[in-house]
Amino acid sequence: MYDIQYQIPLADLSKIRLPHYQIPLDTSSPLFTEELVNVRDYGLAFSSWHAMDNGQNSPYCKRIKGSRKDGWLRKTFAEKLARANAVLSSFGVELFILDAYRSIECQRGLWAYYWDRAHAARPDASEEELRQQTLGYLRDPRNFDPRDARSFPIHSTGSSIDVVLRDRKSGKWLNMGSDFEEYSDVSATDYFERQLLTGAIDDRDERLWNRRLLHWALFAEDMTNDPIFYWHHDWGNQIWIKVKNAVYGSAPDMAWYGYKGPPEWEPEA
């Protein structure tokens, strides 16, 4: 239990599952063309879950085609995360980012993985059935158009992260209540808040408080969490606006972060 007065808001997931693609972009904003920066330059811990090749990145257990080991984000977003990370240091923990900017090539690699998995489970399924099942995990990159805000995956904006908390000294992940990239009801951010309300857990449950701490630190910097997954957070993009409207009741009319081309490759550490 942490010395914070905070509860994760309960979310209506029917609103969260509504599409965000139709939200327009403010191309006149100075942030629209903001550069990508390497997260390591902001003291942020990063390890690409999709680029791991030791078999420990469940459910893939292999490196995803198109993934890269360096992590990039929009500059203002990285600055916000660095401030949140500094606040978390007083609790002896830090942000551990597992996905940041994601190239279209990586999105295609992920699409192929989930498509193949769906086909293996249902070899007689139609193309549309396989597409719908794969859409349950990520955006379809096959019709990607960098000029069309309705077509690009949100991680390609450089303003989304997948993140957990870990102990600053040991590097051990905190117990967040479900595995990273576990697509289940338990992964919904407010799951343990609802468990608390029904009396299924007590108010000192570490899973409840670890999620609260992560949510508290990032929300203080105006980031929003996709309530379907405790690990996904955004700022300034279309999902950020959708979640602000759905959970908090108001948001700007337009997003300022759209698709951003990939940064130059850097040598792997």
Protein backbone atom coordinates (compact mmCIF):
# COMPACT_ATOMS: atom_id res chain seq x y z
CA MET A 1 0.00 0.00 0.00
CA TYR A 2 1.38 3.40 -1.01
CA ASP A 3 0.85 6.75 0.64
CA ILE A 4 -1.35 8.13 -2.13
CA GLN A 5 -5.02 9.01 -2.08
CA TYR A 6 -6.10 7.53 -5.37
CA GLN A 7 -8.57 5.17 -6.96
CA ILE A 8 -8.66 4.10 -10.59
CA PRO A 9 -11.93 5.28 -12.15
CA LEU A 10 -14.36 2.58 -13.19
CA ALA A 11 -14.74 2.48 -16.95
CA ASP A 12 -17.62 1.62 -19.24
CA LEU A 13 -15.79 -0.66 -21.66
CA SER A 14 -18.61 -0.44 -24.20
CA LYS A 15 -17.58 3.20 -24.72
CA ILE A 16 -13.89 2.35 -24.72
CA ARG A 17 -14.39 -0.22 -27.48
CA LEU A 18 -15.92 2.37 -29.81
CA PRO A 19 -13.61 3.30 -32.70
CA HIS A 20 -11.24 6.25 -32.45
CA TYR A 21 -10.20 6.42 -36.11
CA GLN A 22 -12.68 9.16 -36.96
CA ILE A 23 -11.15 11.66 -34.52
CA PRO A 24 -9.47 14.36 -36.65
CA LEU A 25 -5.88 15.56 -36.41
CA ASP A 26 -4.81 19.15 -35.81
CA THR A 27 -2.13 19.42 -38.47
CA SER A 28 -1.58 23.09 -37.55
CA SER A 29 -0.40 22.21 -34.04
CA PRO A 30 3.36 22.60 -33.55
CA LEU A 31 3.30 19.18 -31.91
CA PHE A 32 2.04 17.53 -35.09
CA THR A 33 5.57 17.42 -36.53
CA GLU A 34 7.40 17.03 -33.22
CA GLU A 35 10.47 14.82 -33.44
CA LEU A 36 10.93 11.36 -32.01
CA VAL A 37 13.54 10.99 -29.26
CA ASN A 38 15.28 7.94 -27.83
CA VAL A 39 13.81 7.10 -24.43
CA ARG A 40 17.24 6.19 -23.02
CA ASP A 41 18.19 9.87 -23.29
CA TYR A 42 15.44 10.63 -20.75
CA GLY A 43 16.48 8.05 -18.18
CA LEU A 44 13.61 5.73 -19.05
CA ALA A 45 14.05 1.96 -18.82
CA PHE A 46 13.08 0.20 -22.04
CA SER A 47 13.17 -3.30 -23.48
CA SER A 48 11.25 -4.10 -26.63
CA TRP A 49 8.92 -7.03 -25.91
CA HIS A 50 8.53 -7.65 -29.62
CA ALA A 51 12.27 -7.72 -30.32
CA MET A 52 13.20 -10.27 -27.66
CA ASP A 53 14.81 -13.41 -29.03
CA ASN A 54 15.19 -15.49 -25.86
CA GLY A 55 11.72 -17.02 -26.03
CA GLN A 56 10.52 -15.26 -22.87
CA ASN A 57 8.23 -12.72 -24.55
CA SER A 58 4.91 -14.53 -24.22
CA PRO A 59 2.73 -15.10 -26.18
CA TYR A 60 5.13 -14.78 -29.13
CA CYS A 61 8.17 -16.58 -27.69
CA LYS A 62 10.21 -15.23 -30.61
CA ARG A 63 11.28 -11.98 -32.20
CA ILE A 64 8.54 -10.35 -34.26
CA LYS A 65 9.50 -9.48 -37.82
CA GLY A 66 9.99 -5.72 -38.20
CA SER A 67 10.63 -5.09 -34.49
CA ARG A 68 13.57 -3.06 -33.24
CA LYS A 69 15.38 -3.00 -29.92
CA ASP A 70 15.67 0.78 -29.52
CA GLY A 71 12.73 2.75 -28.07
CA TRP A 72 11.45 6.07 -29.39
CA LEU A 73 8.69 8.53 -28.42
CA ARG A 74 7.60 12.07 -29.18
CA LYS A 75 9.75 14.56 -27.26
CA THR A 76 7.02 16.10 -25.10
CA PHE A 77 5.64 12.68 -24.25
CA ALA A 78 9.10 11.48 -23.21
CA GLU A 79 9.51 14.55 -21.01
CA LYS A 80 6.21 13.82 -19.28
CA LEU A 81 7.25 10.22 -18.67
CA ALA A 82 10.59 11.35 -17.23
CA ARG A 83 8.79 13.57 -14.73
CA ALA A 84 6.44 10.75 -13.75
CA ASN A 85 9.42 8.45 -13.38
CA ALA A 86 11.12 10.92 -11.06
CA VAL A 87 8.04 10.99 -8.84
CA LEU A 88 7.97 7.19 -8.73
CA SER A 89 11.56 7.09 -7.51
CA SER A 90 10.38 8.09 -4.01
CA PHE A 91 8.48 4.78 -3.93
CA GLY A 92 11.55 2.79 -4.97
CA VAL A 93 10.05 1.87 -8.36
CA GLU A 94 10.39 2.95 -11.95
CA LEU A 95 8.60 2.76 -15.25
CA PHE A 96 9.66 -0.16 -17.44
CA ILE A 97 8.53 0.50 -21.02
CA LEU A 98 7.98 -2.60 -23.16
CA ASP A 99 6.62 -1.00 -26.33
CA ALA A 100 6.86 2.58 -27.58
CA TYR A 101 7.06 3.70 -31.20
CA ARG A 102 6.11 0.75 -33.38
CA SER A 103 6.91 0.67 -37.07
CA ILE A 104 4.38 -0.41 -39.65
CA GLU A 105 6.68 -3.33 -40.43
CA CYS A 106 6.40 -4.51 -36.82
CA GLN A 107 2.63 -4.03 -36.92
CA ARG A 108 2.55 -6.27 -39.99
CA GLY A 109 4.66 -8.84 -38.17
CA LEU A 110 2.25 -8.83 -35.24
CA TRP A 111 -0.73 -9.07 -37.58
CA ALA A 112 0.82 -12.11 -39.24
CA TYR A 113 1.43 -13.74 -35.85
CA TYR A 114 -2.15 -13.37 -34.64
CA TRP A 115 -3.60 -14.24 -38.05
CA ASP A 116 -1.57 -17.44 -38.20
CA ARG A 117 -2.56 -18.32 -34.64
CA ALA A 118 -6.24 -17.81 -35.45
CA HIS A 119 -5.92 -19.91 -38.61
CA ALA A 120 -4.19 -22.72 -36.72
CA ALA A 121 -7.02 -22.79 -34.19
CA ARG A 122 -9.75 -22.55 -36.85
CA PRO A 123 -8.40 -23.83 -40.19
CA ASP A 124 -11.84 -23.76 -41.77
CA ALA A 125 -12.55 -20.13 -40.83
CA SER A 126 -13.24 -17.63 -43.60
CA GLU A 127 -10.95 -14.71 -44.38
CA GLU A 128 -13.39 -12.32 -42.70
CA GLU A 129 -13.66 -14.51 -39.61
CA LEU A 130 -9.89 -14.57 -39.31
CA ARG A 131 -9.71 -10.82 -39.80
CA GLN A 132 -12.28 -10.17 -37.09
CA GLN A 133 -10.50 -12.45 -34.67
CA THR A 134 -7.14 -10.81 -35.36
CA LEU A 135 -8.69 -7.36 -34.92
CA GLY A 136 -9.31 -8.35 -31.31
CA TYR A 137 -5.57 -7.87 -30.73
CA LEU A 138 -4.43 -5.01 -32.96
CA ARG A 139 -5.18 -2.74 -35.91
CA ASP A 140 -5.07 -4.16 -39.41
CA PRO A 141 -2.02 -2.61 -41.13
CA ARG A 142 -2.75 -3.97 -44.58
CA ASN A 143 -4.52 -0.82 -45.78
CA PHE A 144 -2.16 1.58 -44.05
CA ASP A 145 -1.97 5.06 -45.61
CA PRO A 146 0.23 7.64 -43.83
CA ARG A 147 -2.07 10.40 -45.11
CA ASP A 148 -5.25 8.81 -43.70
CA ALA A 149 -5.76 9.12 -39.93
CA ARG A 150 -8.33 6.31 -40.11
CA SER A 151 -5.73 3.76 -41.14
CA PHE A 152 -2.66 4.01 -38.95
CA PRO A 153 -1.96 2.01 -35.76
CA ILE A 154 -1.78 4.14 -32.62
CA HIS A 155 1.76 3.06 -31.64
CA SER A 156 2.99 4.46 -34.97
CA THR A 157 2.27 7.96 -33.63
CA GLY A 158 5.09 7.74 -31.09
CA SER A 159 2.67 8.79 -28.36
CA SER A 160 1.62 5.43 -26.91
CA ILE A 161 3.45 3.16 -24.52
CA ASP A 162 2.98 -0.25 -22.98
CA VAL A 163 4.50 -0.08 -19.50
CA VAL A 164 4.75 -1.87 -16.17
CA LEU A 165 6.44 -1.00 -12.87
CA ARG A 166 9.62 -2.58 -11.58
CA ASP A 167 11.78 -2.26 -8.47
CA ARG A 168 14.55 0.27 -9.07
CA LYS A 169 17.22 -1.72 -7.27
CA SER A 170 16.48 -5.32 -8.18
CA GLY A 171 14.81 -4.79 -11.55
CA LYS A 172 12.07 -7.21 -10.51
CA TRP A 173 8.65 -6.52 -11.97
CA LEU A 174 5.96 -5.52 -9.52
CA ASN A 175 2.92 -7.76 -9.32
CA MET A 176 0.42 -6.05 -11.64
CA GLY A 177 -2.19 -8.81 -11.29
CA SER A 178 -1.94 -10.31 -14.76
CA ASP A 179 0.80 -11.01 -17.25
CA PHE A 180 1.85 -8.38 -19.74
CA GLU A 181 -0.11 -8.87 -22.98
CA GLU A 182 -2.50 -11.23 -21.27
CA TYR A 183 -5.80 -10.60 -23.00
CA SER A 184 -8.27 -11.41 -20.23
CA ASP A 185 -10.80 -9.75 -17.94
CA VAL A 186 -8.13 -9.53 -15.23
CA SER A 187 -6.05 -7.24 -17.45
CA ALA A 188 -8.76 -4.55 -17.41
CA THR A 189 -7.27 -1.70 -15.39
CA ASP A 190 -10.15 -1.37 -12.94
CA TYR A 191 -10.46 -5.13 -12.33
CA PHE A 192 -9.16 -5.00 -8.77
CA GLU A 193 -11.14 -1.85 -7.99
CA ARG A 194 -14.26 -3.86 -8.82
CA GLN A 195 -12.95 -6.82 -6.81
CA LEU A 196 -12.54 -4.49 -3.84
CA LEU A 197 -16.11 -3.22 -4.17
CA THR A 198 -17.48 -6.77 -4.05
CA GLY A 199 -15.30 -7.74 -1.09
CA ALA A 200 -13.32 -10.29 -3.12
CA ILE A 201 -10.05 -8.63 -2.04
CA ASP A 202 -9.12 -6.33 0.85
CA ASP A 203 -7.84 -2.77 0.55
CA ARG A 204 -4.20 -3.77 1.07
CA ASP A 205 -3.95 -6.02 -1.99
CA GLU A 206 -0.62 -5.32 -3.73
CA ARG A 207 -2.09 -5.82 -7.20
CA LEU A 208 -4.66 -3.10 -6.54
CA TRP A 209 -2.05 -0.67 -5.26
CA ASN A 210 0.55 -1.35 -7.93
CA ARG A 211 -2.02 -0.54 -10.61
CA ARG A 212 -3.10 2.53 -8.68
CA LEU A 213 0.48 3.76 -8.41
CA LEU A 214 1.13 3.38 -12.14
CA HIS A 215 -2.17 5.05 -13.06
CA TRP A 216 -1.67 7.86 -10.51
CA ALA A 217 1.83 8.76 -11.69
CA LEU A 218 0.94 8.89 -15.38
CA PHE A 219 -2.45 10.56 -14.97
CA ALA A 220 -0.71 13.36 -13.05
CA GLU A 221 1.00 14.15 -16.37
CA ASP A 222 -2.35 14.11 -18.22
CA MET A 223 -1.79 10.69 -19.76
CA THR A 224 -4.73 8.36 -20.11
CA ASN A 225 -4.84 4.61 -19.79
CA ASP A 226 -6.76 2.37 -22.17
CA PRO A 227 -8.97 0.71 -19.51
CA ILE A 228 -9.01 -2.60 -21.39
CA PHE A 229 -5.30 -3.10 -20.59
CA TYR A 230 -3.59 -1.69 -17.50
CA TRP A 231 -0.28 -1.36 -19.39
CA HIS A 232 -1.33 0.89 -22.31
CA HIS A 233 -1.08 4.69 -21.92
CA ASP A 234 -1.39 7.60 -24.35
CA TRP A 235 -1.03 11.34 -24.67
CA GLY A 236 -2.11 13.63 -27.49
CA ASN A 237 -3.34 10.99 -29.93
CA GLN A 238 -6.77 9.73 -30.97
CA ILE A 239 -7.10 7.11 -28.21
CA TRP A 240 -6.16 9.76 -25.64
CA ILE A 241 -9.11 11.86 -26.78
CA LYS A 242 -11.49 8.90 -26.86
CA VAL A 243 -10.59 7.84 -23.33
CA LYS A 244 -10.77 11.38 -21.96
CA ASN A 245 -14.29 11.70 -23.35
CA ALA A 246 -15.40 8.24 -22.26
CA VAL A 247 -13.96 8.26 -18.74
CA TYR A 248 -13.59 11.91 -17.77
CA GLY A 249 -16.26 13.61 -19.87
CA SER A 250 -14.28 16.13 -21.92
CA ALA A 251 -11.36 16.34 -24.32
CA PRO A 252 -10.00 18.53 -27.12
CA ASP A 253 -11.73 18.21 -30.47
CA MET A 254 -8.62 17.08 -32.31
CA ALA A 255 -5.49 15.04 -31.65
CA TRP A 256 -2.08 16.48 -32.50
CA TYR A 257 -0.04 13.32 -32.86
CA GLY A 258 -0.57 11.36 -36.05
CA TYR A 259 1.55 8.88 -37.95
CA LYS A 260 5.29 9.46 -37.75
CA GLY A 261 7.84 7.81 -39.99
CA PRO A 262 10.44 5.62 -38.28
CA PRO A 263 13.60 7.15 -36.80
CA GLU A 264 17.02 6.33 -38.12
CA TRP A 265 18.34 2.99 -36.97
CA GLU A 266 20.80 3.10 -34.09
CA PRO A 267 23.36 0.42 -33.26
CA GLU A 268 22.03 -2.10 -30.77
CA ALA A 269 23.57 -1.90 -27.30
